[in-house]
Amino acid sequence: MMRDFTYVDDAVNAVLQVAERPSAANVGSGSDVPAPATSSAPFRVCNIGGSRAEPAANPVRALERFLEKKARRNIPMQPAYMLTTEAVMSDLARDRGSGRTR
């Protein structure tokens, strides 16, 4: 399986940058006053990741090397599992107010 990983610090930084941007009324709401019920700002869901998929076993292998101990793997593939996930950061870049995706 392939997963898109990110450092916790990077995810926290992205959330803080988005949180610093004030709420804005939705276009066509008929109001200039942002309100949670009519504003997209406080309730946006952004995909935060490293923007590239890597084998899901990589973090386990890193821990094995660091701990000098082999991990016991007993996690069968489930039907609902996605084989590959990758973050698409365009919404986050827009909400951060920059073109940066990292």
PDB file of N, CA and C in Angstrom:
ATOM      1  N   MET A   1       0.835  -1.180   0.000  1.00  0.00           N
ATOM      2  CA  MET A   1       0.000   0.000   0.000  1.00  0.00           C
ATOM      3  C   MET A   1       0.882   1.246   0.000  1.00  0.00           C
ATOM      4  N   MET A   2       0.371   2.278  -0.593  1.00  0.00           N
ATOM      5  CA  MET A   2       1.096   3.543  -0.676  1.00  0.00           C
ATOM      6  C   MET A   2       0.300   4.606   0.085  1.00  0.00           C
ATOM      7  N   ARG A   3       1.013   5.422   0.848  1.00  0.00           N
ATOM      8  CA  ARG A   3       0.361   6.476   1.627  1.00  0.00           C
ATOM      9  C   ARG A   3       1.131   7.781   1.478  1.00  0.00           C
ATOM     10  N   ASP A   4       0.417   8.881   1.652  1.00  0.00           N
ATOM     11  CA  ASP A   4       1.010  10.211   1.617  1.00  0.00           C
ATOM     12  C   ASP A   4       1.232  10.650   3.059  1.00  0.00           C
ATOM     13  N   PHE A   5       2.471  10.747   3.465  1.00  0.00           N
ATOM     14  CA  PHE A   5       2.808  11.099   4.835  1.00  0.00           C
ATOM     15  C   PHE A   5       3.229  12.559   4.933  1.00  0.00           C
ATOM     16  N   THR A   6       3.174  13.107   6.132  1.00  0.00           N
ATOM     17  CA  THR A   6       3.694  14.442   6.385  1.00  0.00           C
ATOM     18  C   THR A   6       4.166  14.503   7.824  1.00  0.00           C
ATOM     19  N   TYR A   7       5.059  15.428   8.100  1.00  0.00           N
ATOM     20  CA  TYR A   7       5.511  15.646   9.466  1.00  0.00           C
ATOM     21  C   TYR A   7       4.410  16.348  10.246  1.00  0.00           C
ATOM     22  N   VAL A   8       4.260  15.999  11.517  1.00  0.00           N
ATOM     23  CA  VAL A   8       3.252  16.633  12.371  1.00  0.00           C
ATOM     24  C   VAL A   8       3.473  18.142  12.409  1.00  0.00           C
ATOM     25  N   ASP A   9       4.729  18.575  12.505  1.00  0.00           N
ATOM     26  CA  ASP A   9       5.030  20.021  12.539  1.00  0.00           C
ATOM     27  C   ASP A   9       4.502  20.727  11.293  1.00  0.00           C
ATOM     28  N   ASP A  10       4.646  20.094  10.131  1.00  0.00           N
ATOM     29  CA  ASP A  10       4.163  20.699   8.888  1.00  0.00           C
ATOM     30  C   ASP A  10       2.641  20.807   8.881  1.00  0.00           C
ATOM     31  N   ALA A  11       1.969  19.771   9.390  1.00  0.00           N
ATOM     32  CA  ALA A  11       0.504  19.795   9.450  1.00  0.00           C
ATOM     33  C   ALA A  11       0.024  20.878  10.414  1.00  0.00           C
ATOM     34  N   VAL A  12       0.657  20.989  11.577  1.00  0.00           N
ATOM     35  CA  VAL A  12       0.278  22.021  12.550  1.00  0.00           C
ATOM     36  C   VAL A  12       0.509  23.407  11.961  1.00  0.00           C
ATOM     37  N   ASN A  13       1.636  23.611  11.298  1.00  0.00           N
ATOM     38  CA  ASN A  13       1.946  24.896  10.673  1.00  0.00           C
ATOM     39  C   ASN A  13       0.881  25.271   9.641  1.00  0.00           C
ATOM     40  N   ALA A  14       0.476  24.325   8.821  1.00  0.00           N
ATOM     41  CA  ALA A  14      -0.546  24.589   7.806  1.00  0.00           C
ATOM     42  C   ALA A  14      -1.874  24.965   8.454  1.00  0.00           C
ATOM     43  N   VAL A  15      -2.255  24.246   9.496  1.00  0.00           N
ATOM     44  CA  VAL A  15      -3.515  24.547  10.190  1.00  0.00           C
ATOM     45  C   VAL A  15      -3.465  25.937  10.805  1.00  0.00           C
ATOM     46  N   LEU A  16      -2.351  26.289  11.426  1.00  0.00           N
ATOM     47  CA  LEU A  16      -2.229  27.617  12.038  1.00  0.00           C
ATOM     48  C   LEU A  16      -2.299  28.723  10.993  1.00  0.00           C
ATOM     49  N   GLN A  17      -1.673  28.511   9.842  1.00  0.00           N
ATOM     50  CA  GLN A  17      -1.715  29.522   8.783  1.00  0.00           C
ATOM     51  C   GLN A  17      -3.137  29.720   8.262  1.00  0.00           C
ATOM     52  N   VAL A  18      -3.876  28.645   8.108  1.00  0.00           N
ATOM     53  CA  VAL A  18      -5.255  28.753   7.637  1.00  0.00           C
ATOM     54  C   VAL A  18      -6.124  29.402   8.717  1.00  0.00           C
ATOM     55  N   ALA A  19      -5.885  29.066   9.976  1.00  0.00           N
ATOM     56  CA  ALA A  19      -6.682  29.617  11.077  1.00  0.00           C
ATOM     57  C   ALA A  19      -6.492  31.121  11.224  1.00  0.00           C
ATOM     58  N   GLU A  20      -5.340  31.638  10.802  1.00  0.00           N
ATOM     59  CA  GLU A  20      -5.072  33.067  10.918  1.00  0.00           C
ATOM     60  C   GLU A  20      -5.835  33.887   9.879  1.00  0.00           C
ATOM     61  N   ARG A  21      -6.349  33.229   8.851  1.00  0.00           N
ATOM     62  CA  ARG A  21      -7.099  33.952   7.820  1.00  0.00           C
ATOM     63  C   ARG A  21      -8.529  34.153   8.312  1.00  0.00           C
ATOM     64  N   PRO A  22      -9.057  35.370   8.246  1.00  0.00           N
ATOM     65  CA  PRO A  22     -10.402  35.630   8.771  1.00  0.00           C
ATOM     66  C   PRO A  22     -11.481  34.956   7.931  1.00  0.00           C
ATOM     67  N   SER A  23     -12.605  34.733   8.575  1.00  0.00           N
ATOM     68  CA  SER A  23     -13.753  34.181   7.868  1.00  0.00           C
ATOM     69  C   SER A  23     -14.189  35.156   6.787  1.00  0.00           C
ATOM     70  N   ALA A  24     -14.758  34.630   5.750  1.00  0.00           N
ATOM     71  CA  ALA A  24     -15.265  35.469   4.668  1.00  0.00           C
ATOM     72  C   ALA A  24     -16.642  34.965   4.264  1.00  0.00           C
ATOM     73  N   ALA A  25     -17.534  35.880   4.022  1.00  0.00           N
ATOM     74  CA  ALA A  25     -18.868  35.480   3.583  1.00  0.00           C
ATOM     75  C   ALA A  25     -18.764  34.792   2.235  1.00  0.00           C
ATOM     76  N   ASN A  26     -19.578  33.788   2.018  1.00  0.00           N
ATOM     77  CA  ASN A  26     -19.587  33.103   0.732  1.00  0.00           C
ATOM     78  C   ASN A  26     -20.095  34.032  -0.353  1.00  0.00           C
ATOM     79  N   VAL A  27     -19.534  33.897  -1.530  1.00  0.00           N
ATOM     80  CA  VAL A  27     -19.974  34.703  -2.665  1.00  0.00           C
ATOM     81  C   VAL A  27     -21.453  34.422  -2.909  1.00  0.00           C
ATOM     82  N   GLY A  28     -22.228  35.478  -3.064  1.00  0.00           N
ATOM     83  CA  GLY A  28     -23.655  35.325  -3.324  1.00  0.00           C
ATOM     84  C   GLY A  28     -24.499  35.116  -2.085  1.00  0.00           C
ATOM     85  N   SER A  29     -23.890  35.244  -0.888  1.00  0.00           N
ATOM     86  CA  SER A  29     -24.670  35.037   0.338  1.00  0.00           C
ATOM     87  C   SER A  29     -25.534  36.243   0.666  1.00  0.00           C
ATOM     88  N   GLY A  30     -25.255  37.384  -0.003  1.00  0.00           N
ATOM     89  CA  GLY A  30     -26.031  38.591   0.260  1.00  0.00           C
ATOM     90  C   GLY A  30     -25.584  39.328   1.495  1.00  0.00           C
ATOM     91  N   SER A  31     -24.450  38.942   2.061  1.00  0.00           N
ATOM     92  CA  SER A  31     -23.961  39.586   3.272  1.00  0.00           C
ATOM     93  C   SER A  31     -22.452  39.746   3.194  1.00  0.00           C
ATOM     94  N   ASP A  32     -21.965  40.840   3.748  1.00  0.00           N
ATOM     95  CA  ASP A  32     -20.525  41.029   3.869  1.00  0.00           C
ATOM     96  C   ASP A  32     -20.024  40.550   5.228  1.00  0.00           C
ATOM     97  N   VAL A  33     -20.947  40.174   6.096  1.00  0.00           N
ATOM     98  CA  VAL A  33     -20.598  39.754   7.446  1.00  0.00           C
ATOM     99  C   VAL A  33     -20.417  38.239   7.466  1.00  0.00           C
ATOM    100  N   PRO A  34     -19.209  37.773   7.793  1.00  0.00           N
ATOM    101  CA  PRO A  34     -19.008  36.332   7.841  1.00  0.00           C
ATOM    102  C   PRO A  34     -19.746  35.718   9.024  1.00  0.00           C
ATOM    103  N   ALA A  35     -20.346  34.615   8.809  1.00  0.00           N
ATOM    104  CA  ALA A  35     -21.031  33.874   9.868  1.00  0.00           C
ATOM    105  C   ALA A  35     -20.787  32.394   9.625  1.00  0.00           C
ATOM    106  N   PRO A  36     -20.622  31.611  10.681  1.00  0.00           N
ATOM    107  CA  PRO A  36     -20.343  30.186  10.481  1.00  0.00           C
ATOM    108  C   PRO A  36     -21.340  29.481   9.572  1.00  0.00           C
ATOM    109  N   ALA A  37     -22.603  29.872   9.637  1.00  0.00           N
ATOM    110  CA  ALA A  37     -23.607  29.196   8.826  1.00  0.00           C
ATOM    111  C   ALA A  37     -23.501  29.549   7.345  1.00  0.00           C
ATOM    112  N   THR A  38     -22.904  30.702   7.016  1.00  0.00           N
ATOM    113  CA  THR A  38     -22.829  31.120   5.613  1.00  0.00           C
ATOM    114  C   THR A  38     -21.400  31.300   5.129  1.00  0.00           C
ATOM    115  N   SER A  39     -20.446  30.957   5.958  1.00  0.00           N
ATOM    116  CA  SER A  39     -19.045  31.155   5.599  1.00  0.00           C
ATOM    117  C   SER A  39     -18.353  29.817   5.427  1.00  0.00           C
ATOM    118  N   SER A  40     -17.507  29.732   4.422  1.00  0.00           N
ATOM    119  CA  SER A  40     -16.749  28.505   4.208  1.00  0.00           C
ATOM    120  C   SER A  40     -15.481  28.479   5.056  1.00  0.00           C
ATOM    121  N   ALA A  41     -15.058  29.617   5.588  1.00  0.00           N
ATOM    122  CA  ALA A  41     -13.750  29.707   6.229  1.00  0.00           C
ATOM    123  C   ALA A  41     -13.569  28.841   7.469  1.00  0.00           C
ATOM    124  N   PRO A  42     -14.419  28.914   8.496  1.00  0.00           N
ATOM    125  CA  PRO A  42     -14.094  28.150   9.704  1.00  0.00           C
ATOM    126  C   PRO A  42     -14.336  26.658   9.577  1.00  0.00           C
ATOM    127  N   PHE A  43     -14.958  26.226   8.496  1.00  0.00           N
ATOM    128  CA  PHE A  43     -15.309  24.817   8.385  1.00  0.00           C
ATOM    129  C   PHE A  43     -14.724  24.134   7.165  1.00  0.00           C
ATOM    130  N   ARG A  44     -13.663  24.684   6.596  1.00  0.00           N
ATOM    131  CA  ARG A  44     -13.039  24.079   5.428  1.00  0.00           C
ATOM    132  C   ARG A  44     -12.306  22.810   5.834  1.00  0.00           C
ATOM    133  N   VAL A  45     -12.330  21.856   4.984  1.00  0.00           N
ATOM    134  CA  VAL A  45     -11.567  20.636   5.172  1.00  0.00           C
ATOM    135  C   VAL A  45     -10.471  20.643   4.121  1.00  0.00           C
ATOM    136  N   CYS A  46      -9.234  20.586   4.575  1.00  0.00           N
ATOM    137  CA  CYS A  46      -8.097  20.600   3.656  1.00  0.00           C
ATOM    138  C   CYS A  46      -7.336  19.294   3.775  1.00  0.00           C
ATOM    139  N   ASN A  47      -6.805  18.868   2.674  1.00  0.00           N
ATOM    140  CA  ASN A  47      -5.983  17.677   2.618  1.00  0.00           C
ATOM    141  C   ASN A  47      -4.543  18.119   2.861  1.00  0.00           C
ATOM    142  N   ILE A  48      -3.922  17.626   3.912  1.00  0.00           N
ATOM    143  CA  ILE A  48      -2.550  17.998   4.244  1.00  0.00           C
ATOM    144  C   ILE A  48      -1.680  16.757   4.114  1.00  0.00           C
ATOM    145  N   GLY A  49      -0.645  16.860   3.324  1.00  0.00           N
ATOM    146  CA  GLY A  49       0.249  15.723   3.140  1.00  0.00           C
ATOM    147  C   GLY A  49       1.527  16.164   2.482  1.00  0.00           C
ATOM    148  N   GLY A  50       2.358  15.208   2.194  1.00  0.00           N
ATOM    149  CA  GLY A  50       3.657  15.493   1.590  1.00  0.00           C
ATOM    150  C   GLY A  50       3.605  15.598   0.080  1.00  0.00           C
ATOM    151  N   SER A  51       2.448  15.381  -0.513  1.00  0.00           N
ATOM    152  CA  SER A  51       2.217  15.476  -1.962  1.00  0.00           C
ATOM    153  C   SER A  51       2.930  14.400  -2.769  1.00  0.00           C
ATOM    154  N   ARG A  52       3.248  13.295  -2.134  1.00  0.00           N
ATOM    155  CA  ARG A  52       3.758  12.143  -2.884  1.00  0.00           C
ATOM    156  C   ARG A  52       3.525  10.882  -2.043  1.00  0.00           C
ATOM    157  N   ALA A  53       3.086   9.865  -2.700  1.00  0.00           N
ATOM    158  CA  ALA A  53       2.811   8.595  -2.028  1.00  0.00           C
ATOM    159  C   ALA A  53       4.100   7.794  -1.870  1.00  0.00           C
ATOM    160  N   GLU A  54       4.217   7.146  -0.724  1.00  0.00           N
ATOM    161  CA  GLU A  54       5.369   6.290  -0.427  1.00  0.00           C
ATOM    162  C   GLU A  54       4.845   4.973   0.129  1.00  0.00           C
ATOM    163  N   PRO A  55       5.628   3.921   0.070  1.00  0.00           N
ATOM    164  CA  PRO A  55       5.176   2.652   0.642  1.00  0.00           C
ATOM    165  C   PRO A  55       4.819   2.824   2.121  1.00  0.00           C
ATOM    166  N   ALA A  56       3.652   2.302   2.504  1.00  0.00           N
ATOM    167  CA  ALA A  56       3.189   2.427   3.883  1.00  0.00           C
ATOM    168  C   ALA A  56       4.124   1.700   4.857  1.00  0.00           C
ATOM    169  N   ALA A  57       4.905   0.780   4.367  1.00  0.00           N
ATOM    170  CA  ALA A  57       5.829   0.034   5.220  1.00  0.00           C
ATOM    171  C   ALA A  57       7.078   0.844   5.580  1.00  0.00           C
ATOM    172  N   ASN A  58       7.330   1.967   4.901  1.00  0.00           N
ATOM    173  CA  ASN A  58       8.546   2.752   5.171  1.00  0.00           C
ATOM    174  C   ASN A  58       8.689   3.183   6.629  1.00  0.00           C
ATOM    175  N   PRO A  59       7.649   3.738   7.279  1.00  0.00           N
ATOM    176  CA  PRO A  59       7.812   4.117   8.687  1.00  0.00           C
ATOM    177  C   PRO A  59       8.110   2.917   9.588  1.00  0.00           C
ATOM    178  N   VAL A  60       7.513   1.779   9.267  1.00  0.00           N
ATOM    179  CA  VAL A  60       7.771   0.566  10.059  1.00  0.00           C
ATOM    180  C   VAL A  60       9.228   0.138   9.876  1.00  0.00           C
ATOM    181  N   ARG A  61       9.706   0.174   8.648  1.00  0.00           N
ATOM    182  CA  ARG A  61      11.113  -0.181   8.394  1.00  0.00           C
ATOM    183  C   ARG A  61      12.066   0.767   9.124  1.00  0.00           C
ATOM    184  N   ALA A  62      11.728   2.049   9.130  1.00  0.00           N
ATOM    185  CA  ALA A  62      12.570   3.030   9.833  1.00  0.00           C
ATOM    186  C   ALA A  62      12.611   2.714  11.327  1.00  0.00           C
ATOM    187  N   LEU A  63      11.468   2.393  11.894  1.00  0.00           N
ATOM    188  CA  LEU A  63      11.435   2.030  13.319  1.00  0.00           C
ATOM    189  C   LEU A  63      12.217   0.752  13.579  1.00  0.00           C
ATOM    190  N   GLU A  64      12.109  -0.212  12.683  1.00  0.00           N
ATOM    191  CA  GLU A  64      12.876  -1.451  12.838  1.00  0.00           C
ATOM    192  C   GLU A  64      14.380  -1.166  12.874  1.00  0.00           C
ATOM    193  N   ARG A  65      14.838  -0.299  11.966  1.00  0.00           N
ATOM    194  CA  ARG A  65      16.264   0.050  11.951  1.00  0.00           C
ATOM    195  C   ARG A  65      16.665   0.771  13.236  1.00  0.00           C
ATOM    196  N   PHE A  66      15.840   1.728  13.657  1.00  0.00           N
ATOM    197  CA  PHE A  66      16.156   2.512  14.850  1.00  0.00           C
ATOM    198  C   PHE A  66      16.161   1.643  16.102  1.00  0.00           C
ATOM    199  N   LEU A  67      15.173   0.775  16.240  1.00  0.00           N
ATOM    200  CA  LEU A  67      15.044  -0.071  17.430  1.00  0.00           C
ATOM    201  C   LEU A  67      15.862  -1.349  17.353  1.00  0.00           C
ATOM    202  N   GLU A  68      16.398  -1.620  16.142  1.00  0.00           N
ATOM    203  CA  GLU A  68      17.146  -2.858  15.906  1.00  0.00           C
ATOM    204  C   GLU A  68      16.319  -4.070  16.321  1.00  0.00           C
ATOM    205  N   LYS A  69      15.059  -4.033  15.922  1.00  0.00           N
ATOM    206  CA  LYS A  69      14.133  -5.120  16.248  1.00  0.00           C
ATOM    207  C   LYS A  69      13.131  -5.249  15.108  1.00  0.00           C
ATOM    208  N   LYS A  70      12.846  -6.481  14.724  1.00  0.00           N
ATOM    209  CA  LYS A  70      11.911  -6.747  13.631  1.00  0.00           C
ATOM    210  C   LYS A  70      10.473  -6.613  14.147  1.00  0.00           C
ATOM    211  N   ALA A  71       9.644  -5.906  13.401  1.00  0.00           N
ATOM    212  CA  ALA A  71       8.235  -5.736  13.772  1.00  0.00           C
ATOM    213  C   ALA A  71       7.440  -6.978  13.388  1.00  0.00           C
ATOM    214  N   ARG A  72       6.433  -7.264  14.189  1.00  0.00           N
ATOM    215  CA  ARG A  72       5.496  -8.332  13.831  1.00  0.00           C
ATOM    216  C   ARG A  72       4.361  -7.689  13.049  1.00  0.00           C
ATOM    217  N   ARG A  73       4.210  -8.115  11.838  1.00  0.00           N
ATOM    218  CA  ARG A  73       3.163  -7.552  10.969  1.00  0.00           C
ATOM    219  C   ARG A  73       2.041  -8.567  10.833  1.00  0.00           C
ATOM    220  N   ASN A  74       0.860  -8.138  11.256  1.00  0.00           N
ATOM    221  CA  ASN A  74      -0.293  -9.018  11.172  1.00  0.00           C
ATOM    222  C   ASN A  74      -1.532  -8.183  10.868  1.00  0.00           C
ATOM    223  N   ILE A  75      -1.470  -7.420   9.796  1.00  0.00           N
ATOM    224  CA  ILE A  75      -2.591  -6.560   9.414  1.00  0.00           C
ATOM    225  C   ILE A  75      -3.034  -6.978   8.017  1.00  0.00           C
ATOM    226  N   PRO A  76      -4.092  -7.765   7.935  1.00  0.00           N
ATOM    227  CA  PRO A  76      -4.552  -8.192   6.613  1.00  0.00           C
ATOM    228  C   PRO A  76      -5.175  -7.035   5.838  1.00  0.00           C
ATOM    229  N   MET A  77      -5.076  -7.108   4.538  1.00  0.00           N
ATOM    230  CA  MET A  77      -5.677  -6.111   3.661  1.00  0.00           C
ATOM    231  C   MET A  77      -7.197  -6.184   3.802  1.00  0.00           C
ATOM    232  N   GLN A  78      -7.823  -5.046   4.040  1.00  0.00           N
ATOM    233  CA  GLN A  78      -9.268  -4.976   4.186  1.00  0.00           C
ATOM    234  C   GLN A  78      -9.888  -4.497   2.871  1.00  0.00           C
ATOM    235  N   PRO A  79     -11.116  -4.923   2.562  1.00  0.00           N
ATOM    236  CA  PRO A  79     -11.752  -4.515   1.303  1.00  0.00           C
ATOM    237  C   PRO A  79     -11.891  -3.000   1.157  1.00  0.00           C
ATOM    238  N   ALA A  80     -12.059  -2.281   2.261  1.00  0.00           N
ATOM    239  CA  ALA A  80     -12.272  -0.828   2.196  1.00  0.00           C
ATOM    240  C   ALA A  80     -10.969  -0.037   2.086  1.00  0.00           C
ATOM    241  N   TYR A  81      -9.823  -0.694   2.242  1.00  0.00           N
ATOM    242  CA  TYR A  81      -8.550   0.016   2.178  1.00  0.00           C
ATOM    243  C   TYR A  81      -8.280   0.511   0.760  1.00  0.00           C
ATOM    244  N   MET A  82      -7.774   1.718   0.675  1.00  0.00           N
ATOM    245  CA  MET A  82      -7.306   2.239  -0.605  1.00  0.00           C
ATOM    246  C   MET A  82      -5.877   1.744  -0.814  1.00  0.00           C
ATOM    247  N   LEU A  83      -5.556   1.333  -2.017  1.00  0.00           N
ATOM    248  CA  LEU A  83      -4.198   0.879  -2.286  1.00  0.00           C
ATOM    249  C   LEU A  83      -3.216   2.037  -2.267  1.00  0.00           C
ATOM    250  N   THR A  84      -3.649   3.204  -2.726  1.00  0.00           N
ATOM    251  CA  THR A  84      -2.784   4.383  -2.772  1.00  0.00           C
ATOM    252  C   THR A  84      -3.585   5.614  -2.357  1.00  0.00           C
ATOM    253  N   THR A  85      -2.989   6.444  -1.508  1.00  0.00           N
ATOM    254  CA  THR A  85      -3.576   7.753  -1.189  1.00  0.00           C
ATOM    255  C   THR A  85      -2.502   8.803  -1.427  1.00  0.00           C
ATOM    256  N   GLU A  86      -2.928   9.965  -1.900  1.00  0.00           N
ATOM    257  CA  GLU A  86      -1.984  11.062  -2.121  1.00  0.00           C
ATOM    258  C   GLU A  86      -2.712  12.375  -1.868  1.00  0.00           C
ATOM    259  N   ALA A  87      -2.104  13.245  -1.074  1.00  0.00           N
ATOM    260  CA  ALA A  87      -2.717  14.532  -0.747  1.00  0.00           C
ATOM    261  C   ALA A  87      -2.708  15.446  -1.960  1.00  0.00           C
ATOM    262  N   VAL A  88      -3.820  16.111  -2.171  1.00  0.00           N
ATOM    263  CA  VAL A  88      -3.920  17.151  -3.188  1.00  0.00           C
ATOM    264  C   VAL A  88      -4.030  18.454  -2.410  1.00  0.00           C
ATOM    265  N   MET A  89      -3.004  19.284  -2.502  1.00  0.00           N
ATOM    266  CA  MET A  89      -2.866  20.423  -1.609  1.00  0.00           C
ATOM    267  C   MET A  89      -3.364  21.743  -2.193  1.00  0.00           C
ATOM    268  N   SER A  90      -4.059  21.724  -3.321  1.00  0.00           N
ATOM    269  CA  SER A  90      -4.483  22.976  -3.957  1.00  0.00           C
ATOM    270  C   SER A  90      -5.448  23.782  -3.086  1.00  0.00           C
ATOM    271  N   ASP A  91      -6.387  23.131  -2.393  1.00  0.00           N
ATOM    272  CA  ASP A  91      -7.297  23.863  -1.507  1.00  0.00           C
ATOM    273  C   ASP A  91      -6.537  24.505  -0.351  1.00  0.00           C
ATOM    274  N   LEU A  92      -5.575  23.794   0.188  1.00  0.00           N
ATOM    275  CA  LEU A  92      -4.780  24.341   1.281  1.00  0.00           C
ATOM    276  C   LEU A  92      -3.985  25.551   0.814  1.00  0.00           C
ATOM    277  N   ALA A  93      -3.381  25.461  -0.363  1.00  0.00           N
ATOM    278  CA  ALA A  93      -2.614  26.593  -0.894  1.00  0.00           C
ATOM    279  C   ALA A  93      -3.520  27.808  -1.073  1.00  0.00           C
ATOM    280  N   ARG A  94      -4.719  27.591  -1.572  1.00  0.00           N
ATOM    281  CA  ARG A  94      -5.668  28.692  -1.761  1.00  0.00           C
ATOM    282  C   ARG A  94      -6.044  29.302  -0.396  1.00  0.00           C
ATOM    283  N   ASP A  95      -6.343  28.452   0.584  1.00  0.00           N
ATOM    284  CA  ASP A  95      -6.780  28.950   1.892  1.00  0.00           C
ATOM    285  C   ASP A  95      -5.645  29.583   2.697  1.00  0.00           C
ATOM    286  N   ARG A  96      -4.411  29.224   2.392  1.00  0.00           N
ATOM    287  CA  ARG A  96      -3.262  29.848   3.046  1.00  0.00           C
ATOM    288  C   ARG A  96      -2.973  31.225   2.460  1.00  0.00           C
ATOM    289  N   GLY A  97      -3.558  31.487   1.291  1.00  0.00           N
ATOM    290  CA  GLY A  97      -3.320  32.767   0.640  1.00  0.00           C
ATOM    291  C   GLY A  97      -2.011  32.798  -0.118  1.00  0.00           C
ATOM    292  N   SER A  98      -1.519  31.621  -0.462  1.00  0.00           N
ATOM    293  CA  SER A  98      -0.275  31.549  -1.233  1.00  0.00           C
ATOM    294  C   SER A  98      -0.407  30.430  -2.235  1.00  0.00           C
ATOM    295  N   GLY A  99       0.477  30.410  -3.162  1.00  0.00           N
ATOM    296  CA  GLY A  99       0.510  29.337  -4.133  1.00  0.00           C
ATOM    297  C   GLY A  99       1.307  28.150  -3.625  1.00  0.00           C
ATOM    298  N   ARG A 100       1.914  28.309  -2.435  1.00  0.00           N
ATOM    299  CA  ARG A 100       2.757  27.221  -1.907  1.00  0.00           C
ATOM    300  C   ARG A 100       1.900  26.026  -1.525  1.00  0.00           C
ATOM    301  N   THR A 101       2.376  24.865  -1.859  1.00  0.00           N
ATOM    302  CA  THR A 101       1.676  23.638  -1.476  1.00  0.00           C
ATOM    303  C   THR A 101       2.471  22.856  -0.454  1.00  0.00           C
ATOM    304  N   ARG A 102       3.599  23.401   0.007  1.00  0.00           N
ATOM    305  CA  ARG A 102       4.396  22.689   1.014  1.00  0.00           C
ATOM    306  C   ARG A 102       4.812  23.657   2.066  1.00  0.00           C
TER     307      ARG A 102
END
